[in-house]
């Protein structure tokens, strides 16, 4: 699997955090706050995969960029960045040795917690 950092998503997340579009939720809230398959599909009915990809800090080149499987490490609900999503993604990236993604997520968490 060739997963790498999605720099467009990183820039998008930083912008949203600076605009205050962030949910400062708790570490374990992601299972409840993560978008469901239905919410993902609804978003894709209204937007293209380029917009969809802005919410995922990793991309997998083993899958075409017009498939959901191309996008890894979600950090938001298509409205706000979620602190719990960043923490969850950071943990999973570290477990899978995606150091560049893990480090980027750590910096996003620092930005969120800075306030």
Protein backbone atom coordinates (compact mmCIF):
# COMPACT_ATOMS: atom_id res chain seq x y z
CA UNK A 1 0.00 0.00 0.00
CA UNK A 2 1.46 3.34 -1.08
CA UNK A 3 -0.13 5.73 1.42
CA UNK A 4 1.26 9.24 1.57
CA UNK A 5 0.42 12.62 3.07
CA UNK A 6 -2.39 14.52 1.35
CA UNK A 7 -0.96 18.06 1.38
CA UNK A 8 -4.19 19.62 0.06
CA UNK A 9 -6.08 18.12 3.00
CA UNK A 10 -3.40 19.35 5.41
CA UNK A 11 -3.71 22.90 4.05
CA UNK A 12 -7.51 22.67 4.20
CA UNK A 13 -7.43 21.47 7.82
CA UNK A 14 -5.05 24.28 8.85
CA UNK A 15 -7.33 26.84 7.20
CA UNK A 16 -10.42 25.49 8.96
CA UNK A 17 -8.65 25.46 12.32
CA UNK A 18 -7.53 29.08 11.86
CA UNK A 19 -11.14 30.00 10.98
CA UNK A 20 -12.35 28.34 14.19
CA UNK A 21 -14.17 25.57 12.32
CA UNK A 22 -13.08 22.90 14.77
CA UNK A 23 -14.86 20.70 17.30
CA UNK A 24 -12.73 20.48 20.43
CA UNK A 25 -14.17 17.15 21.43
CA UNK A 26 -12.69 14.38 23.56
CA UNK A 27 -10.26 11.69 22.46
CA UNK A 28 -12.81 8.85 22.39
CA UNK A 29 -15.63 10.73 20.63
CA UNK A 30 -14.56 9.88 17.06
CA UNK A 31 -16.60 6.68 16.85
CA UNK A 32 -19.71 8.83 17.32
CA UNK A 33 -18.55 11.90 15.39
CA UNK A 34 -17.00 10.28 12.31
CA UNK A 35 -19.16 10.58 9.20
CA UNK A 36 -21.22 7.51 8.42
CA UNK A 37 -21.18 5.83 5.02
CA UNK A 38 -24.53 7.49 4.34
CA UNK A 39 -23.06 10.93 5.17
CA UNK A 40 -20.03 10.25 2.98
CA UNK A 41 -22.25 9.24 0.07
CA UNK A 42 -24.49 12.27 0.58
CA UNK A 43 -21.43 14.55 0.51
CA UNK A 44 -20.23 12.89 -2.71
CA UNK A 45 -23.63 13.41 -4.34
CA UNK A 46 -23.14 17.16 -3.90
CA UNK A 47 -19.35 17.43 -4.32
CA UNK A 48 -16.57 15.83 -6.32
CA UNK A 49 -13.79 13.60 -5.04
CA UNK A 50 -11.38 16.55 -4.90
CA UNK A 51 -13.61 18.16 -2.23
CA UNK A 52 -14.11 14.82 -0.50
CA UNK A 53 -10.35 14.29 -0.34
CA UNK A 54 -9.80 17.53 1.57
CA UNK A 55 -11.08 15.75 4.68
CA UNK A 56 -8.53 12.88 4.57
CA UNK A 57 -4.87 13.36 5.53
CA UNK A 58 -3.70 10.29 3.62
CA UNK A 59 -4.06 9.06 0.06
CA UNK A 60 -3.48 5.53 -1.17
CA UNK A 61 -2.08 5.40 -4.70
CA UNK A 62 -3.08 1.74 -5.00
CA UNK A 63 -6.66 2.99 -5.52
CA UNK A 64 -7.90 5.48 -8.15
CA UNK A 65 -8.57 8.98 -6.85
CA UNK A 66 -12.25 8.68 -7.79
CA UNK A 67 -12.87 5.93 -5.23
CA UNK A 68 -13.38 6.27 -1.49
CA UNK A 69 -10.63 3.68 -0.89
CA UNK A 70 -8.07 6.21 -2.15
CA UNK A 71 -8.64 8.40 0.93
CA UNK A 72 -7.35 7.49 4.40
CA UNK A 73 -7.19 9.12 7.83
CA UNK A 74 -10.35 11.24 8.04
CA UNK A 75 -10.23 14.25 10.38
CA UNK A 76 -13.64 15.88 10.08
CA UNK A 77 -17.34 15.62 9.38
CA UNK A 78 -17.38 17.69 6.14
CA UNK A 79 -18.18 20.80 8.19
CA UNK A 80 -15.55 20.99 10.92
CA UNK A 81 -12.25 19.43 11.84
CA UNK A 82 -12.69 17.21 14.89
CA UNK A 83 -10.00 17.04 17.55
CA UNK A 84 -10.97 13.41 18.22
CA UNK A 85 -10.58 12.60 14.52
CA UNK A 86 -7.10 14.11 14.45
CA UNK A 87 -6.10 12.11 17.54
CA UNK A 88 -7.53 8.88 16.11
CA UNK A 89 -5.81 9.39 12.75
CA UNK A 90 -2.51 10.29 14.43
CA UNK A 91 -2.61 7.08 16.45
CA UNK A 92 -3.43 4.91 13.40
CA UNK A 93 -0.78 6.60 11.27
CA UNK A 94 1.82 5.94 13.98
CA UNK A 95 0.77 2.29 14.31
CA UNK A 96 1.22 1.83 10.55
CA UNK A 97 4.55 3.70 10.32
CA UNK A 98 3.21 6.57 8.21
CA UNK A 99 5.53 9.00 9.94
CA UNK A 100 4.88 11.99 7.66
CA UNK A 101 1.13 11.68 8.18
CA UNK A 102 1.53 11.13 11.93
CA UNK A 103 3.78 14.20 12.24
CA UNK A 104 1.37 16.37 10.23
CA UNK A 105 -1.52 15.25 12.43
CA UNK A 106 0.53 16.04 15.55
CA UNK A 107 1.04 19.58 14.26
CA UNK A 108 -2.70 19.93 13.58
CA UNK A 109 -3.41 18.80 17.14
CA UNK A 110 -0.98 21.43 18.43
CA UNK A 111 -2.84 24.09 16.42
CA UNK A 112 -6.18 22.94 17.82
CA UNK A 113 -4.93 22.85 21.42
CA UNK A 114 -3.12 26.18 21.12
CA UNK A 115 -6.25 28.19 21.87
